[in-house]
N, C-alpha and C. Protein backbone atom coordinates (compact mmCIF):
# COMPACT_ATOMS: atom_id res chain seq x y z
N MET A 1 -61.98 -18.83 -22.00
CA MET A 1 -60.81 -19.62 -21.02
C MET A 1 -60.48 -18.41 -19.66
N LYS A 2 -60.26 -17.13 -20.45
CA LYS A 2 -59.69 -16.21 -19.56
C LYS A 2 -60.87 -16.15 -18.31
N LYS A 3 -61.51 -15.83 -18.30
CA LYS A 3 -62.46 -16.53 -17.41
C LYS A 3 -62.00 -17.27 -16.34
N LEU A 4 -61.68 -18.41 -17.05
CA LEU A 4 -61.69 -20.14 -16.36
C LEU A 4 -60.66 -19.72 -15.50
N ILE A 5 -59.47 -19.32 -15.98
CA ILE A 5 -58.30 -18.68 -15.57
C ILE A 5 -58.21 -18.49 -14.43
N LEU A 6 -58.79 -16.76 -14.31
CA LEU A 6 -59.09 -16.15 -13.38
C LEU A 6 -59.62 -16.65 -12.15
N LEU A 7 -60.83 -17.17 -12.79
CA LEU A 7 -61.57 -18.09 -11.06
C LEU A 7 -60.98 -19.11 -10.51
N PHE A 8 -59.84 -19.81 -11.15
CA PHE A 8 -59.30 -20.70 -10.57
C PHE A 8 -57.65 -20.21 -9.73
N VAL A 9 -57.57 -19.18 -10.01
CA VAL A 9 -56.24 -18.58 -9.88
C VAL A 9 -56.66 -16.70 -8.76
N LEU A 10 -57.24 -16.77 -8.87
CA LEU A 10 -57.71 -15.25 -8.01
C LEU A 10 -57.77 -15.83 -6.36
N PRO A 11 -58.79 -17.23 -6.07
CA PRO A 11 -58.58 -17.46 -4.97
C PRO A 11 -57.10 -17.73 -4.41
N PHE A 12 -56.59 -18.28 -5.14
CA PHE A 12 -55.14 -18.52 -4.64
C PHE A 12 -54.52 -17.36 -4.25
N PHE A 13 -54.54 -16.28 -4.94
CA PHE A 13 -54.06 -15.31 -4.13
C PHE A 13 -54.62 -14.57 -3.36
N ILE A 14 -56.10 -14.64 -3.36
CA ILE A 14 -56.75 -13.93 -2.20
C ILE A 14 -56.04 -14.69 -0.63
N ALA A 15 -55.77 -16.01 -1.01
CA ALA A 15 -55.55 -16.88 0.44
C ALA A 15 -54.35 -16.68 0.68
N VAL A 16 -53.13 -16.53 0.14
CA VAL A 16 -51.93 -16.47 0.23
C VAL A 16 -51.69 -14.70 0.56
N GLN A 17 -52.27 -13.57 0.54
CA GLN A 17 -51.73 -12.62 0.70
C GLN A 17 -53.14 -12.31 2.18
N SER A 18 -54.06 -13.33 2.76
CA SER A 18 -54.23 -13.17 3.64
C SER A 18 -53.35 -13.64 4.50
N GLN A 19 -53.29 -14.47 4.24
CA GLN A 19 -51.83 -15.65 5.02
C GLN A 19 -50.72 -14.67 5.43
N ALA A 20 -50.80 -13.74 4.73
CA ALA A 20 -49.53 -12.95 4.37
C ALA A 20 -49.91 -11.90 5.73
N GLN A 21 -50.94 -11.22 5.50
CA GLN A 21 -50.95 -10.46 6.23
C GLN A 21 -51.03 -10.66 7.82
N THR A 22 -51.65 -12.02 7.87
CA THR A 22 -51.60 -12.95 9.39
C THR A 22 -50.73 -13.14 9.78
N ALA A 23 -49.74 -13.38 9.19
CA ALA A 23 -48.45 -13.80 9.60
C ALA A 23 -47.49 -13.32 11.05
N GLN A 24 -47.21 -13.79 11.87
CA GLN A 24 -46.97 -13.20 13.15
C GLN A 24 -45.31 -12.88 12.78
N PRO A 25 -44.25 -12.05 12.92
CA PRO A 25 -43.00 -12.00 13.07
C PRO A 25 -42.50 -13.10 14.19
N ALA A 26 -41.15 -13.60 13.53
CA ALA A 26 -41.08 -15.19 14.53
C ALA A 26 -40.02 -14.01 15.99
N ALA A 27 -40.41 -14.80 17.10
CA ALA A 27 -40.22 -14.33 18.07
C ALA A 27 -38.93 -14.55 18.61
N ALA A 28 -38.16 -13.74 19.18
CA ALA A 28 -36.69 -13.70 19.18
C ALA A 28 -36.61 -15.11 20.79
N PRO A 29 -35.40 -15.71 20.76
CA PRO A 29 -35.07 -16.84 21.53
C PRO A 29 -35.49 -16.19 22.95
N ALA A 30 -36.46 -16.97 23.94
CA ALA A 30 -36.00 -16.36 24.93
C ALA A 30 -34.89 -16.51 25.46
N VAL A 31 -34.47 -15.44 27.03
CA VAL A 31 -33.05 -15.96 27.52
C VAL A 31 -33.88 -16.34 28.87
N ASN A 32 -33.16 -17.39 29.74
CA ASN A 32 -33.29 -17.80 30.97
C ASN A 32 -32.38 -16.72 31.70
N PRO A 33 -33.95 -16.09 32.73
CA PRO A 33 -33.11 -15.28 33.33
C PRO A 33 -32.47 -16.03 35.00
N ASN A 34 -32.71 -17.23 35.09
CA ASN A 34 -31.96 -17.96 35.79
C ASN A 34 -30.60 -18.57 35.45
N GLY A 35 -30.16 -18.33 34.01
CA GLY A 35 -28.83 -19.20 33.62
C GLY A 35 -28.09 -18.14 33.20
N PRO A 36 -27.51 -18.43 32.62
CA PRO A 36 -25.62 -17.46 32.88
C PRO A 36 -25.92 -16.27 32.02
N ILE A 37 -25.12 -15.25 31.90
CA ILE A 37 -25.49 -14.23 31.48
C ILE A 37 -23.60 -13.53 31.18
N ALA A 38 -23.70 -13.45 29.82
CA ALA A 38 -22.15 -13.17 29.06
C ALA A 38 -22.04 -11.89 29.20
N LYS A 39 -21.50 -11.03 29.92
CA LYS A 39 -21.18 -9.59 29.79
C LYS A 39 -19.80 -9.29 29.12
N TRP A 40 -19.32 -8.57 28.10
CA TRP A 40 -18.26 -8.49 27.49
C TRP A 40 -17.34 -6.73 28.25
N ASP A 41 -16.27 -6.47 28.03
CA ASP A 41 -15.84 -5.20 28.76
C ASP A 41 -15.60 -5.10 27.20
N LYS A 42 -15.37 -5.62 25.94
CA LYS A 42 -15.40 -4.88 24.64
C LYS A 42 -15.46 -5.60 23.70
N MET A 43 -16.00 -5.35 22.73
CA MET A 43 -16.38 -6.04 21.24
C MET A 43 -15.24 -5.90 20.47
N ALA A 44 -14.36 -5.11 20.42
CA ALA A 44 -13.43 -4.96 19.51
C ALA A 44 -12.14 -4.30 19.98
N ASN A 45 -11.21 -4.42 19.41
CA ASN A 45 -9.66 -4.34 19.92
C ASN A 45 -8.85 -3.50 18.58
N ASP A 46 -8.85 -2.16 18.93
CA ASP A 46 -7.90 -1.72 17.35
C ASP A 46 -6.27 -1.48 18.43
N PHE A 47 -5.32 -2.21 17.70
CA PHE A 47 -3.95 -2.14 17.56
C PHE A 47 -2.97 -0.79 17.25
N GLY A 48 -4.01 -0.37 16.49
CA GLY A 48 -3.79 0.81 15.57
C GLY A 48 -2.59 0.23 14.51
N SER A 49 -1.00 1.06 15.06
CA SER A 49 0.08 0.63 13.67
C SER A 49 0.69 -0.98 14.44
N ILE A 50 0.80 -1.51 14.18
CA ILE A 50 2.06 -2.46 15.00
C ILE A 50 3.20 -3.06 13.97
N ALA A 51 4.20 -3.35 14.76
CA ALA A 51 5.27 -3.89 14.15
C ALA A 51 5.12 -4.96 12.86
N PHE A 52 6.19 -5.11 11.66
CA PHE A 52 5.97 -6.43 11.03
C PHE A 52 6.48 -7.91 11.78
N ASN A 53 5.65 -8.55 11.61
CA ASN A 53 6.15 -9.46 12.03
C ASN A 53 6.54 -9.40 14.19
N VAL A 54 5.78 -8.78 14.68
CA VAL A 54 5.75 -9.11 15.88
C VAL A 54 4.42 -9.42 16.22
N PRO A 55 3.62 -10.17 16.64
CA PRO A 55 2.40 -10.86 16.98
C PRO A 55 1.90 -9.85 18.18
N LYS A 56 0.85 -9.66 17.98
CA LYS A 56 0.12 -8.52 18.91
C LYS A 56 -1.02 -9.85 19.32
N THR A 57 -1.82 -9.36 20.80
CA THR A 57 -2.59 -10.32 21.54
C THR A 57 -3.27 -8.89 21.90
N ALA A 58 -4.86 -9.03 21.95
CA ALA A 58 -5.87 -9.17 22.36
C ALA A 58 -6.75 -9.32 22.96
N GLU A 59 -7.10 -9.04 24.85
CA GLU A 59 -7.81 -9.46 25.94
C GLU A 59 -9.22 -8.65 26.02
N PHE A 60 -9.92 -10.09 25.48
CA PHE A 60 -11.36 -8.97 26.12
C PHE A 60 -11.99 -10.19 26.84
N THR A 61 -12.53 -9.35 28.03
CA THR A 61 -12.96 -10.27 29.59
C THR A 61 -14.34 -10.26 28.99
N VAL A 62 -14.56 -11.39 29.83
CA VAL A 62 -16.15 -11.89 29.91
C VAL A 62 -16.62 -12.43 31.57
N THR A 63 -17.63 -11.54 31.90
CA THR A 63 -18.14 -12.15 33.45
C THR A 63 -19.26 -12.68 33.29
N ASN A 64 -19.27 -13.59 33.63
CA ASN A 64 -20.58 -14.45 34.06
C ASN A 64 -21.41 -13.22 34.89
N ALA A 65 -22.57 -12.85 34.56
CA ALA A 65 -24.12 -11.65 35.38
C ALA A 65 -25.09 -12.49 35.39
N GLY A 66 -24.83 -13.67 35.13
CA GLY A 66 -26.19 -14.69 35.97
C GLY A 66 -26.12 -15.46 36.58
N ASN A 67 -27.17 -16.71 37.06
CA ASN A 67 -27.36 -17.15 38.20
C ASN A 67 -26.38 -18.60 38.05
N GLN A 68 -26.17 -19.04 36.99
CA GLN A 68 -26.07 -20.61 36.26
C GLN A 68 -24.25 -20.19 36.32
N PRO A 69 -23.64 -21.47 36.20
CA PRO A 69 -22.07 -21.45 35.57
C PRO A 69 -22.07 -20.89 33.72
N LEU A 70 -21.23 -20.36 33.32
CA LEU A 70 -21.13 -19.99 32.08
C LEU A 70 -19.59 -20.87 31.45
N ILE A 71 -20.55 -21.14 30.35
CA ILE A 71 -19.44 -22.17 29.66
C ILE A 71 -18.94 -21.85 28.18
N ILE A 72 -17.77 -21.44 27.86
CA ILE A 72 -17.51 -21.47 26.84
C ILE A 72 -17.12 -23.10 26.08
N SER A 73 -18.40 -22.97 24.83
CA SER A 73 -17.88 -24.32 24.12
C SER A 73 -17.13 -23.79 23.03
N SER A 74 -16.78 -22.81 22.41
CA SER A 74 -15.92 -22.88 20.66
C SER A 74 -15.75 -21.24 20.94
N VAL A 75 -14.45 -21.54 20.31
CA VAL A 75 -13.64 -19.92 20.21
C VAL A 75 -13.24 -20.58 18.88
N ARG A 76 -13.73 -19.76 17.24
CA ARG A 76 -13.17 -20.13 16.26
C ARG A 76 -12.75 -18.33 15.56
N PRO A 77 -11.47 -18.17 15.13
CA PRO A 77 -10.83 -17.23 14.64
C PRO A 77 -11.30 -17.84 12.74
N SER A 78 -11.43 -16.25 12.42
CA SER A 78 -11.72 -16.36 11.20
C SER A 78 -10.98 -16.65 9.54
N CYS A 79 -9.41 -16.42 10.37
CA CYS A 79 -8.75 -17.05 9.47
C CYS A 79 -7.48 -17.90 10.63
N GLY A 80 -6.44 -18.26 9.96
CA GLY A 80 -5.48 -19.15 10.47
C GLY A 80 -4.20 -18.19 11.14
N CYS A 81 -4.49 -16.87 10.81
CA CYS A 81 -3.11 -15.75 11.07
C CYS A 81 -3.78 -15.01 12.83
N THR A 82 -4.81 -15.55 13.26
CA THR A 82 -4.81 -15.14 14.45
C THR A 82 -5.25 -16.79 15.37
N ASN A 83 -4.71 -16.68 16.53
CA ASN A 83 -4.70 -17.72 17.40
C ASN A 83 -5.42 -17.31 18.82
N PRO A 84 -6.72 -17.85 19.19
CA PRO A 84 -6.95 -17.62 19.87
C PRO A 84 -6.68 -18.24 20.93
N LYS A 85 -7.21 -17.96 22.70
CA LYS A 85 -6.83 -18.81 23.83
C LYS A 85 -8.10 -18.63 24.46
N PHE A 86 -8.42 -19.51 25.39
CA PHE A 86 -9.66 -19.43 26.30
C PHE A 86 -9.72 -20.53 27.07
N SER A 87 -10.21 -20.26 28.54
CA SER A 87 -10.08 -21.12 29.36
C SER A 87 -11.35 -22.10 29.21
N GLN A 88 -11.08 -23.61 29.59
CA GLN A 88 -11.99 -24.81 29.14
C GLN A 88 -12.82 -24.77 30.41
N GLU A 89 -12.37 -23.90 31.62
CA GLU A 89 -13.01 -24.11 32.94
C GLU A 89 -14.80 -23.33 33.14
N PRO A 90 -15.36 -24.04 33.43
CA PRO A 90 -17.03 -23.23 33.72
C PRO A 90 -16.65 -21.47 34.33
N ILE A 91 -17.10 -21.01 34.07
CA ILE A 91 -17.03 -19.41 34.56
C ILE A 91 -18.27 -19.19 35.85
N LEU A 92 -18.16 -19.24 37.07
CA LEU A 92 -18.89 -19.23 38.45
C LEU A 92 -19.48 -18.21 38.05
N PRO A 93 -20.79 -17.76 38.47
CA PRO A 93 -21.76 -16.74 38.48
C PRO A 93 -20.53 -15.88 39.22
N GLY A 94 -20.58 -14.27 38.62
CA GLY A 94 -20.01 -13.56 39.14
C GLY A 94 -18.42 -13.24 38.99
N LYS A 95 -17.66 -14.53 38.50
CA LYS A 95 -16.27 -14.89 37.98
C LYS A 95 -16.30 -13.98 36.78
N SER A 96 -15.16 -14.16 36.27
CA SER A 96 -14.86 -13.22 34.91
C SER A 96 -13.73 -14.43 34.26
N SER A 97 -13.60 -14.58 33.05
CA SER A 97 -12.25 -15.02 32.37
C SER A 97 -11.82 -13.85 31.55
N ILE A 98 -10.75 -14.62 30.50
CA ILE A 98 -10.56 -13.99 29.44
C ILE A 98 -10.33 -14.72 28.35
N VAL A 99 -10.79 -14.16 27.03
CA VAL A 99 -10.35 -14.53 25.99
C VAL A 99 -9.64 -14.02 24.90
N SER A 100 -8.42 -14.44 24.55
CA SER A 100 -7.41 -13.77 24.42
C SER A 100 -7.32 -14.03 22.29
N ALA A 101 -7.34 -12.94 21.77
CA ALA A 101 -6.76 -13.45 20.49
C ALA A 101 -5.24 -12.71 20.07
N THR A 102 -4.34 -13.65 19.54
CA THR A 102 -2.95 -13.00 19.02
C THR A 102 -3.37 -13.50 17.35
N TYR A 103 -2.72 -12.17 16.70
CA TYR A 103 -2.41 -11.62 15.58
C TYR A 103 -1.19 -12.00 15.18
N ASN A 104 -0.69 -12.73 14.07
CA ASN A 104 0.82 -12.94 13.73
C ASN A 104 0.41 -11.63 12.15
N ALA A 105 1.55 -10.80 12.92
CA ALA A 105 1.47 -9.48 11.84
C ALA A 105 2.77 -9.97 11.02
N ALA A 106 2.26 -10.80 10.17
CA ALA A 106 3.41 -11.39 8.98
C ALA A 106 3.00 -10.87 7.92
N ASN A 107 2.18 -9.60 7.55
CA ASN A 107 1.50 -9.46 6.12
C ASN A 107 1.57 -7.71 6.45
N PRO A 108 2.19 -6.96 5.40
CA PRO A 108 1.72 -5.54 5.91
C PRO A 108 0.59 -5.23 5.06
N GLY A 109 0.21 -4.09 6.14
CA GLY A 109 -1.16 -3.66 5.66
C GLY A 109 -2.23 -3.19 6.78
N VAL A 110 -3.34 -2.94 6.40
CA VAL A 110 -4.52 -3.05 6.86
C VAL A 110 -5.16 -4.55 7.00
N PHE A 111 -5.90 -4.66 8.23
CA PHE A 111 -6.12 -5.51 8.84
C PHE A 111 -7.49 -5.96 9.75
N THR A 112 -8.43 -6.73 9.46
CA THR A 112 -9.79 -6.45 10.71
C THR A 112 -9.84 -8.09 10.43
N LYS A 113 -9.92 -9.00 11.55
CA LYS A 113 -10.53 -10.30 11.79
C LYS A 113 -11.39 -10.22 13.06
N THR A 114 -11.91 -11.73 13.00
CA THR A 114 -13.10 -11.85 14.11
C THR A 114 -12.69 -12.84 14.91
N VAL A 115 -13.20 -13.02 15.77
CA VAL A 115 -13.11 -14.77 16.63
C VAL A 115 -14.34 -14.72 17.22
N THR A 116 -15.33 -15.53 16.58
CA THR A 116 -16.05 -16.26 17.07
C THR A 116 -16.57 -17.24 18.50
N VAL A 117 -17.32 -16.58 19.22
CA VAL A 117 -17.32 -16.82 20.66
C VAL A 117 -18.47 -17.77 21.01
N ILE A 118 -18.97 -18.94 21.20
CA ILE A 118 -20.10 -19.86 21.09
C ILE A 118 -20.57 -19.91 22.94
N THR A 119 -20.94 -19.42 23.39
CA THR A 119 -21.24 -19.91 24.78
C THR A 119 -22.80 -20.60 25.37
N ASN A 120 -23.00 -21.03 26.75
CA ASN A 120 -24.22 -21.54 27.02
C ASN A 120 -25.43 -20.43 27.24
N ALA A 121 -24.78 -19.12 27.24
CA ALA A 121 -25.84 -18.11 27.56
C ALA A 121 -26.63 -17.94 26.61
N ASP A 122 -26.23 -17.67 25.27
CA ASP A 122 -27.09 -17.36 24.12
C ASP A 122 -26.94 -18.18 22.97
N ALA A 123 -28.25 -18.56 22.23
CA ALA A 123 -27.90 -19.15 21.19
C ALA A 123 -27.19 -18.91 19.85
N ASN A 124 -26.97 -17.09 20.03
CA ASN A 124 -26.42 -16.50 19.04
C ASN A 124 -25.19 -16.27 19.33
N PRO A 125 -24.57 -16.87 18.28
CA PRO A 125 -22.38 -16.51 19.00
C PRO A 125 -22.45 -14.89 19.38
N VAL A 126 -21.29 -14.57 19.70
CA VAL A 126 -20.85 -13.56 20.04
C VAL A 126 -19.42 -13.32 19.05
N VAL A 127 -19.57 -12.53 18.56
CA VAL A 127 -18.44 -11.92 17.58
C VAL A 127 -17.21 -10.70 17.78
N LEU A 128 -16.11 -11.24 18.66
CA LEU A 128 -15.33 -10.29 18.63
C LEU A 128 -14.57 -9.85 17.63
N GLN A 129 -13.78 -8.84 17.73
CA GLN A 129 -12.98 -8.16 16.36
C GLN A 129 -11.71 -7.54 16.74
N ILE A 130 -10.91 -7.79 16.24
CA ILE A 130 -9.31 -7.05 16.16
C ILE A 130 -8.99 -6.55 14.69
N LYS A 131 -8.16 -5.23 14.60
CA LYS A 131 -7.62 -4.29 13.52
C LYS A 131 -6.73 -3.61 14.07
N GLY A 132 -6.21 -3.65 12.85
CA GLY A 132 -5.07 -2.66 13.09
C GLY A 132 -4.07 -2.45 11.70
N THR A 133 -3.09 -2.05 11.48
CA THR A 133 -2.27 -1.90 10.37
C THR A 133 -1.14 -2.39 10.73
N VAL A 134 -0.07 -3.37 10.18
CA VAL A 134 1.02 -3.76 10.28
C VAL A 134 1.96 -3.34 9.22
N MET A 135 2.57 -1.95 10.15
CA MET A 135 3.78 -1.30 9.56
C MET A 135 4.83 -2.55 7.82
N PRO A 136 5.05 -1.64 7.10
CA PRO A 136 5.60 -2.42 6.16
C PRO A 136 7.29 -2.73 6.81
N ASN A 137 7.62 -3.86 6.79
CA ASN A 137 9.34 -4.23 6.90
C ASN A 137 9.80 -3.16 6.68
N PRO A 138 10.77 -2.63 7.93
CA PRO A 138 12.11 -1.66 7.33
C PRO A 138 12.99 -2.26 6.46
N THR A 139 13.30 -1.51 5.47
CA THR A 139 14.82 -1.98 4.87
C THR A 139 16.16 -1.75 5.54
N PRO A 140 16.65 -3.17 5.27
CA PRO A 140 17.66 -2.94 6.57
C PRO A 140 18.59 -2.45 6.05
N PRO A 141 19.58 -1.77 6.73
CA PRO A 141 20.64 -1.14 6.43
C PRO A 141 21.51 -1.15 5.40
N ALA A 142 21.73 -0.74 4.58
CA ALA A 142 22.78 -1.15 3.47
C ALA A 142 24.38 -1.50 4.12
N PRO A 143 24.88 -2.62 3.34
CA PRO A 143 26.15 -2.91 4.24
C PRO A 143 27.32 -2.11 4.28
N PRO A 144 28.09 -1.64 4.77
CA PRO A 144 29.25 -0.70 4.53
C PRO A 144 30.38 -0.92 3.30
N ALA A 145 30.68 0.60 2.94
CA ALA A 145 30.98 0.08 1.38
C ALA A 145 32.65 -0.18 1.79
N THR A 146 32.87 -0.98 1.28
CA THR A 146 34.54 -1.38 1.52
C THR A 146 35.35 -0.20 0.83
N ASN A 147 36.62 -0.10 1.27
CA ASN A 147 37.78 0.62 0.30
C ASN A 147 38.83 -0.44 0.10
N VAL A 148 38.83 -0.51 -1.00
CA VAL A 148 39.44 -1.73 -1.35
C VAL A 148 40.90 -0.88 -2.45
N PRO A 149 41.98 -1.05 -1.67
CA PRO A 149 42.69 -0.31 -2.73
C PRO A 149 43.24 -0.47 -3.68
N LYS A 150 44.04 0.66 -4.83
CA LYS A 150 44.31 0.35 -6.17
C LYS A 150 45.32 -0.14 -6.26
C-alpha cells in the first residue's frame, strides 16, 4: 500500500517542484516614458513640536517631469484629523502643483499620519507622511486670590 501511495504522490511533488523552479518573478509595471512623471519635493514633513489646538499645514510640491498632463485623481488622509487639499486641474508638463495636509492638533502627544495620493503617472499610490508632537494644553493661570475683609 505504501508503494502505491508513493507511486502516485511522488510525480505530483516532482511536477510542483519543477514549476516552482521555472516560474519567473512578476515584472514591474512598465512606465510610459511619454506619459506624466510625478516628482515630489519631499515625501515627509516633520512639524516638530506644535501647540495644542493650533492646526498645522504641510505642503508637498509635485512637478510633472513627463510629456503628458499629470492628473491627481484622489488624495486620501489616514484619518479624519487630517484635511488634504489639492488642485483638480491637470498639471501640464514642466509645471508644479501643491498637495497640502492640515493636521488638527486636538490631541496631545506624538502623531504620524499619512496622505495617499493617486495619479495617472503610476499604478502605485504615493504615500506622503506628516509627523510631530502636539504639546499638552498649558494649564490656565489660577484666578487671582480675593481678599475678603473679616
